[in-house]
Amino acid sequence: MATTPRPDRGAVITFLNPDVLNPAAFLRGVVIGPPVVDPQTAHAWVPVLLPDRTVSVLDTRNIIEVQPSSENS
């Protein structure tokens, strides 16, 4: 089984849109903080800045692609 990505701050991620009513199946955002693990489910979550300047907390299991930030490359 593949491991779930835990991208570093500044990484650009493409992820499956958790909002089933939104017509966009995939979204992109920038990770703005470290992953946090939910103690009950053991899922890692990351804070993400979306293109509309809103912040969302995303389950890392929805991440499709990670492009590391230039400072972490």
PDB file of N, CA and C in Angstrom:
ATOM      1  N   MET A   1       0.832  -1.175   0.000  1.00  0.00           N
ATOM      2  CA  MET A   1       0.000   0.000   0.000  1.00  0.00           C
ATOM      3  C   MET A   1       0.880   1.243   0.000  1.00  0.00           C
ATOM      4  N   ALA A   2       0.537   2.205  -0.829  1.00  0.00           N
ATOM      5  CA  ALA A   2       1.305   3.454  -0.906  1.00  0.00           C
ATOM      6  C   ALA A   2       1.108   4.272   0.363  1.00  0.00           C
ATOM      7  N   THR A   3       2.156   4.993   0.737  1.00  0.00           N
ATOM      8  CA  THR A   3       2.037   5.830   1.918  1.00  0.00           C
ATOM      9  C   THR A   3       1.318   7.124   1.561  1.00  0.00           C
ATOM     10  N   THR A   4       0.642   7.692   2.551  1.00  0.00           N
ATOM     11  CA  THR A   4      -0.052   8.958   2.358  1.00  0.00           C
ATOM     12  C   THR A   4       0.969  10.082   2.421  1.00  0.00           C
ATOM     13  N   PRO A   5       0.961  10.991   1.432  1.00  0.00           N
ATOM     14  CA  PRO A   5       1.945  12.083   1.442  1.00  0.00           C
ATOM     15  C   PRO A   5       1.716  13.025   2.619  1.00  0.00           C
ATOM     16  N   ARG A   6       2.802  13.564   3.122  1.00  0.00           N
ATOM     17  CA  ARG A   6       2.745  14.595   4.151  1.00  0.00           C
ATOM     18  C   ARG A   6       3.619  15.742   3.666  1.00  0.00           C
ATOM     19  N   PRO A   7       3.062  16.582   2.804  1.00  0.00           N
ATOM     20  CA  PRO A   7       3.863  17.638   2.182  1.00  0.00           C
ATOM     21  C   PRO A   7       4.314  18.691   3.178  1.00  0.00           C
ATOM     22  N   ASP A   8       5.479  19.276   2.898  1.00  0.00           N
ATOM     23  CA  ASP A   8       6.025  20.341   3.724  1.00  0.00           C
ATOM     24  C   ASP A   8       5.354  21.665   3.399  1.00  0.00           C
ATOM     25  N   ARG A   9       5.532  22.619   4.294  1.00  0.00           N
ATOM     26  CA  ARG A   9       5.007  23.962   4.089  1.00  0.00           C
ATOM     27  C   ARG A   9       5.551  24.527   2.771  1.00  0.00           C
ATOM     28  N   GLY A  10       4.677  25.166   2.002  1.00  0.00           N
ATOM     29  CA  GLY A  10       5.064  25.764   0.735  1.00  0.00           C
ATOM     30  C   GLY A  10       4.858  24.855  -0.464  1.00  0.00           C
ATOM     31  N   ALA A  11       4.596  23.578  -0.233  1.00  0.00           N
ATOM     32  CA  ALA A  11       4.373  22.655  -1.346  1.00  0.00           C
ATOM     33  C   ALA A  11       3.045  22.980  -2.030  1.00  0.00           C
ATOM     34  N   VAL A  12       3.033  22.863  -3.349  1.00  0.00           N
ATOM     35  CA  VAL A  12       1.797  23.028  -4.113  1.00  0.00           C
ATOM     36  C   VAL A  12       1.215  21.635  -4.302  1.00  0.00           C
ATOM     37  N   ILE A  13      -0.040  21.476  -3.915  1.00  0.00           N
ATOM     38  CA  ILE A  13      -0.658  20.154  -4.010  1.00  0.00           C
ATOM     39  C   ILE A  13      -1.882  20.200  -4.911  1.00  0.00           C
ATOM     40  N   THR A  14      -2.124  19.083  -5.560  1.00  0.00           N
ATOM     41  CA  THR A  14      -3.363  18.859  -6.299  1.00  0.00           C
ATOM     42  C   THR A  14      -4.107  17.794  -5.516  1.00  0.00           C
ATOM     43  N   PHE A  15      -5.397  18.056  -5.269  1.00  0.00           N
ATOM     44  CA  PHE A  15      -6.144  17.116  -4.437  1.00  0.00           C
ATOM     45  C   PHE A  15      -7.564  16.933  -4.940  1.00  0.00           C
ATOM     46  N   LEU A  16      -8.155  15.811  -4.554  1.00  0.00           N
ATOM     47  CA  LEU A  16      -9.535  15.502  -4.870  1.00  0.00           C
ATOM     48  C   LEU A  16     -10.418  16.439  -4.060  1.00  0.00           C
ATOM     49  N   ASN A  17     -11.310  17.138  -4.729  1.00  0.00           N
ATOM     50  CA  ASN A  17     -12.189  18.096  -4.067  1.00  0.00           C
ATOM     51  C   ASN A  17     -13.175  17.356  -3.163  1.00  0.00           C
ATOM     52  N   PRO A  18     -13.147  17.621  -1.855  1.00  0.00           N
ATOM     53  CA  PRO A  18     -14.075  16.926  -0.954  1.00  0.00           C
ATOM     54  C   PRO A  18     -15.511  17.425  -1.069  1.00  0.00           C
ATOM     55  N   ASP A  19     -15.728  18.563  -1.731  1.00  0.00           N
ATOM     56  CA  ASP A  19     -17.072  19.119  -1.902  1.00  0.00           C
ATOM     57  C   ASP A  19     -17.721  18.491  -3.133  1.00  0.00           C
ATOM     58  N   VAL A  20     -18.606  17.535  -2.926  1.00  0.00           N
ATOM     59  CA  VAL A  20     -19.219  16.813  -4.046  1.00  0.00           C
ATOM     60  C   VAL A  20     -20.165  17.689  -4.854  1.00  0.00           C
ATOM     61  N   LEU A  21     -20.592  18.823  -4.312  1.00  0.00           N
ATOM     62  CA  LEU A  21     -21.481  19.719  -5.038  1.00  0.00           C
ATOM     63  C   LEU A  21     -20.724  20.709  -5.916  1.00  0.00           C
ATOM     64  N   ASN A  22     -19.410  20.776  -5.765  1.00  0.00           N
ATOM     65  CA  ASN A  22     -18.583  21.669  -6.571  1.00  0.00           C
ATOM     66  C   ASN A  22     -18.293  20.993  -7.907  1.00  0.00           C
ATOM     67  N   PRO A  23     -18.419  21.712  -9.032  1.00  0.00           N
ATOM     68  CA  PRO A  23     -18.184  21.070 -10.334  1.00  0.00           C
ATOM     69  C   PRO A  23     -16.722  20.697 -10.599  1.00  0.00           C
ATOM     70  N   ALA A  24     -15.776  21.300  -9.879  1.00  0.00           N
ATOM     71  CA  ALA A  24     -14.357  20.974 -10.073  1.00  0.00           C
ATOM     72  C   ALA A  24     -14.002  19.718  -9.279  1.00  0.00           C
ATOM     73  N   ALA A  25     -13.546  18.691  -9.974  1.00  0.00           N
ATOM     74  CA  ALA A  25     -13.195  17.438  -9.298  1.00  0.00           C
ATOM     75  C   ALA A  25     -11.863  17.540  -8.565  1.00  0.00           C
ATOM     76  N   PHE A  26     -10.941  18.335  -9.103  1.00  0.00           N
ATOM     77  CA  PHE A  26      -9.614  18.485  -8.503  1.00  0.00           C
ATOM     78  C   PHE A  26      -9.337  19.959  -8.251  1.00  0.00           C
ATOM     79  N   LEU A  27      -8.641  20.241  -7.167  1.00  0.00           N
ATOM     80  CA  LEU A  27      -8.253  21.598  -6.809  1.00  0.00           C
ATOM     81  C   LEU A  27      -6.761  21.637  -6.533  1.00  0.00           C
ATOM     82  N   ARG A  28      -6.204  22.852  -6.526  1.00  0.00           N
ATOM     83  CA  ARG A  28      -4.798  23.043  -6.167  1.00  0.00           C
ATOM     84  C   ARG A  28      -4.736  24.024  -5.020  1.00  0.00           C
ATOM     85  N   GLY A  29      -3.720  23.876  -4.205  1.00  0.00           N
ATOM     86  CA  GLY A  29      -3.510  24.789  -3.103  1.00  0.00           C
ATOM     87  C   GLY A  29      -2.076  24.719  -2.621  1.00  0.00           C
ATOM     88  N   VAL A  30      -1.743  25.603  -1.680  1.00  0.00           N
ATOM     89  CA  VAL A  30      -0.400  25.659  -1.111  1.00  0.00           C
ATOM     90  C   VAL A  30      -0.490  25.292   0.365  1.00  0.00           C
ATOM     91  N   VAL A  31       0.350  24.363   0.779  1.00  0.00           N
ATOM     92  CA  VAL A  31       0.391  23.948   2.177  1.00  0.00           C
ATOM     93  C   VAL A  31       0.994  25.092   2.994  1.00  0.00           C
ATOM     94  N   ILE A  32       0.294  25.494   4.068  1.00  0.00           N
ATOM     95  CA  ILE A  32       0.753  26.642   4.855  1.00  0.00           C
ATOM     96  C   ILE A  32       1.188  26.266   6.268  1.00  0.00           C
ATOM     97  N   GLY A  33       1.231  24.997   6.581  1.00  0.00           N
ATOM     98  CA  GLY A  33       1.666  24.584   7.909  1.00  0.00           C
ATOM     99  C   GLY A  33       1.967  23.097   7.952  1.00  0.00           C
ATOM    100  N   PRO A  34       2.431  22.636   9.103  1.00  0.00           N
ATOM    101  CA  PRO A  34       2.782  21.215   9.229  1.00  0.00           C
ATOM    102  C   PRO A  34       1.542  20.336   9.341  1.00  0.00           C
ATOM    103  N   PRO A  35       1.681  19.062   8.987  1.00  0.00           N
ATOM    104  CA  PRO A  35       0.558  18.130   9.155  1.00  0.00           C
ATOM    105  C   PRO A  35       0.216  17.934  10.627  1.00  0.00           C
ATOM    106  N   VAL A  36      -1.050  17.693  10.881  1.00  0.00           N
ATOM    107  CA  VAL A  36      -1.544  17.390  12.220  1.00  0.00           C
ATOM    108  C   VAL A  36      -2.253  16.043  12.129  1.00  0.00           C
ATOM    109  N   VAL A  37      -1.981  15.155  13.070  1.00  0.00           N
ATOM    110  CA  VAL A  37      -2.577  13.825  13.039  1.00  0.00           C
ATOM    111  C   VAL A  37      -3.770  13.776  13.985  1.00  0.00           C
ATOM    112  N   ASP A  38      -4.903  13.330  13.453  1.00  0.00           N
ATOM    113  CA  ASP A  38      -6.106  13.124  14.259  1.00  0.00           C
ATOM    114  C   ASP A  38      -5.870  11.896  15.124  1.00  0.00           C
ATOM    115  N   PRO A  39      -5.896  12.033  16.451  1.00  0.00           N
ATOM    116  CA  PRO A  39      -5.583  10.892  17.315  1.00  0.00           C
ATOM    117  C   PRO A  39      -6.600   9.754  17.244  1.00  0.00           C
ATOM    118  N   GLN A  40      -7.825  10.034  16.832  1.00  0.00           N
ATOM    119  CA  GLN A  40      -8.829   8.972  16.770  1.00  0.00           C
ATOM    120  C   GLN A  40      -8.753   8.161  15.484  1.00  0.00           C
ATOM    121  N   THR A  41      -8.396   8.805  14.380  1.00  0.00           N
ATOM    122  CA  THR A  41      -8.386   8.098  13.100  1.00  0.00           C
ATOM    123  C   THR A  41      -6.987   7.841  12.562  1.00  0.00           C
ATOM    124  N   ALA A  42      -5.989   8.519  13.107  1.00  0.00           N
ATOM    125  CA  ALA A  42      -4.600   8.454  12.651  1.00  0.00           C
ATOM    126  C   ALA A  42      -4.419   9.043  11.255  1.00  0.00           C
ATOM    127  N   HIS A  43      -5.402   9.811  10.767  1.00  0.00           N
ATOM    128  CA  HIS A  43      -5.268  10.505   9.481  1.00  0.00           C
ATOM    129  C   HIS A  43      -4.485  11.791   9.702  1.00  0.00           C
ATOM    130  N   ALA A  44      -3.600  12.102   8.760  1.00  0.00           N
ATOM    131  CA  ALA A  44      -2.865  13.369   8.793  1.00  0.00           C
ATOM    132  C   ALA A  44      -3.671  14.410   8.013  1.00  0.00           C
ATOM    133  N   TRP A  45      -3.720  15.611   8.535  1.00  0.00           N
ATOM    134  CA  TRP A  45      -4.425  16.733   7.919  1.00  0.00           C
ATOM    135  C   TRP A  45      -3.446  17.880   7.765  1.00  0.00           C
ATOM    136  N   VAL A  46      -3.560  18.645   6.660  1.00  0.00           N
ATOM    137  CA  VAL A  46      -2.692  19.807   6.456  1.00  0.00           C
ATOM    138  C   VAL A  46      -3.538  21.045   6.167  1.00  0.00           C
ATOM    139  N   PRO A  47      -3.090  22.205   6.673  1.00  0.00           N
ATOM    140  CA  PRO A  47      -3.770  23.453   6.315  1.00  0.00           C
ATOM    141  C   PRO A  47      -3.333  23.887   4.919  1.00  0.00           C
ATOM    142  N   VAL A  48      -4.309  24.271   4.090  1.00  0.00           N
ATOM    143  CA  VAL A  48      -4.046  24.594   2.695  1.00  0.00           C
ATOM    144  C   VAL A  48      -4.663  25.951   2.347  1.00  0.00           C
ATOM    145  N   LEU A  49      -3.872  26.792   1.692  1.00  0.00           N
ATOM    146  CA  LEU A  49      -4.361  28.060   1.166  1.00  0.00           C
ATOM    147  C   LEU A  49      -4.841  27.800  -0.254  1.00  0.00           C
ATOM    148  N   LEU A  50      -6.125  28.082  -0.504  1.00  0.00           N
ATOM    149  CA  LEU A  50      -6.730  27.836  -1.807  1.00  0.00           C
ATOM    150  C   LEU A  50      -6.606  29.074  -2.698  1.00  0.00           C
ATOM    151  N   PRO A  51      -6.810  28.930  -4.006  1.00  0.00           N
ATOM    152  CA  PRO A  51      -6.662  30.070  -4.920  1.00  0.00           C
ATOM    153  C   PRO A  51      -7.568  31.259  -4.596  1.00  0.00           C
ATOM    154  N   ASP A  52      -8.721  31.011  -3.965  1.00  0.00           N
ATOM    155  CA  ASP A  52      -9.620  32.117  -3.629  1.00  0.00           C
ATOM    156  C   ASP A  52      -9.246  32.781  -2.301  1.00  0.00           C
ATOM    157  N   ARG A  53      -8.064  32.444  -1.778  1.00  0.00           N
ATOM    158  CA  ARG A  53      -7.485  33.002  -0.545  1.00  0.00           C
ATOM    159  C   ARG A  53      -8.180  32.506   0.725  1.00  0.00           C
ATOM    160  N   THR A  54      -8.982  31.445   0.640  1.00  0.00           N
ATOM    161  CA  THR A  54      -9.559  30.833   1.828  1.00  0.00           C
ATOM    162  C   THR A  54      -8.618  29.732   2.301  1.00  0.00           C
ATOM    163  N   VAL A  55      -8.771  29.365   3.559  1.00  0.00           N
ATOM    164  CA  VAL A  55      -7.941  28.314   4.137  1.00  0.00           C
ATOM    165  C   VAL A  55      -8.830  27.111   4.430  1.00  0.00           C
ATOM    166  N   SER A  56      -8.328  25.941   4.106  1.00  0.00           N
ATOM    167  CA  SER A  56      -9.033  24.699   4.363  1.00  0.00           C
ATOM    168  C   SER A  56      -8.073  23.729   5.036  1.00  0.00           C
ATOM    169  N   VAL A  57      -8.610  22.824   5.818  1.00  0.00           N
ATOM    170  CA  VAL A  57      -7.797  21.758   6.407  1.00  0.00           C
ATOM    171  C   VAL A  57      -8.159  20.488   5.653  1.00  0.00           C
ATOM    172  N   LEU A  58      -7.150  19.875   5.036  1.00  0.00           N
ATOM    173  CA  LEU A  58      -7.370  18.785   4.091  1.00  0.00           C
ATOM    174  C   LEU A  58      -6.795  17.475   4.605  1.00  0.00           C
ATOM    175  N   ASP A  59      -7.587  16.421   4.503  1.00  0.00           N
ATOM    176  CA  ASP A  59      -7.109  15.076   4.802  1.00  0.00           C
ATOM    177  C   ASP A  59      -6.085  14.714   3.730  1.00  0.00           C
ATOM    178  N   THR A  60      -4.886  14.333   4.145  1.00  0.00           N
ATOM    179  CA  THR A  60      -3.825  14.052   3.173  1.00  0.00           C
ATOM    180  C   THR A  60      -4.152  12.865   2.267  1.00  0.00           C
ATOM    181  N   ARG A  61      -5.134  12.074   2.622  1.00  0.00           N
ATOM    182  CA  ARG A  61      -5.533  10.960   1.746  1.00  0.00           C
ATOM    183  C   ARG A  61      -6.141  11.448   0.440  1.00  0.00           C
ATOM    184  N   ASN A  62      -6.571  12.718   0.388  1.00  0.00           N
ATOM    185  CA  ASN A  62      -7.151  13.278  -0.836  1.00  0.00           C
ATOM    186  C   ASN A  62      -6.103  13.856  -1.782  1.00  0.00           C
ATOM    187  N   ILE A  63      -4.844  13.877  -1.372  1.00  0.00           N
ATOM    188  CA  ILE A  63      -3.788  14.469  -2.202  1.00  0.00           C
ATOM    189  C   ILE A  63      -3.433  13.537  -3.354  1.00  0.00           C
ATOM    190  N   ILE A  64      -3.426  14.123  -4.554  1.00  0.00           N
ATOM    191  CA  ILE A  64      -3.108  13.374  -5.777  1.00  0.00           C
ATOM    192  C   ILE A  64      -1.654  13.586  -6.176  1.00  0.00           C
ATOM    193  N   GLU A  65      -1.173  14.843  -6.060  1.00  0.00           N
ATOM    194  CA  GLU A  65       0.183  15.195  -6.513  1.00  0.00           C
ATOM    195  C   GLU A  65       0.761  16.248  -5.595  1.00  0.00           C
ATOM    196  N   VAL A  66       2.078  16.159  -5.345  1.00  0.00           N
ATOM    197  CA  VAL A  66       2.790  17.149  -4.540  1.00  0.00           C
ATOM    198  C   VAL A  66       3.950  17.691  -5.339  1.00  0.00           C
ATOM    199  N   GLN A  67       4.022  19.024  -5.424  1.00  0.00           N
ATOM    200  CA  GLN A  67       5.166  19.701  -6.019  1.00  0.00           C
ATOM    201  C   GLN A  67       5.868  20.440  -4.887  1.00  0.00           C
ATOM    202  N   PRO A  68       7.033  19.968  -4.467  1.00  0.00           N
ATOM    203  CA  PRO A  68       7.732  20.617  -3.334  1.00  0.00           C
ATOM    204  C   PRO A  68       7.994  22.087  -3.614  1.00  0.00           C
ATOM    205  N   SER A  69       8.029  22.870  -2.539  1.00  0.00           N
ATOM    206  CA  SER A  69       8.350  24.287  -2.694  1.00  0.00           C
ATOM    207  C   SER A  69       9.789  24.433  -3.145  1.00  0.00           C
ATOM    208  N   SER A  70      10.106  25.561  -3.740  1.00  0.00           N
ATOM    209  CA  SER A  70      11.473  25.777  -4.240  1.00  0.00           C
ATOM    210  C   SER A  70      12.479  25.824  -3.096  1.00  0.00           C
ATOM    211  N   GLU A  71      12.060  26.244  -1.896  1.00  0.00           N
ATOM    212  CA  GLU A  71      12.987  26.281  -0.755  1.00  0.00           C
ATOM    213  C   GLU A  71      13.237  24.904  -0.173  1.00  0.00           C
ATOM    214  N   ASN A  72      12.370  23.909  -0.483  1.00  0.00           N
ATOM    215  CA  ASN A  72      12.561  22.555   0.031  1.00  0.00           C
ATOM    216  C   ASN A  72      13.128  21.614  -1.036  1.00  0.00           C
ATOM    217  N   SER A  73      13.422  22.134  -2.214  1.00  0.00           N
ATOM    218  CA  SER A  73      13.918  21.284  -3.312  1.00  0.00           C
ATOM    219  C   SER A  73      15.416  21.094  -3.214  1.00  0.00           C
TER     220      SER A  73
END
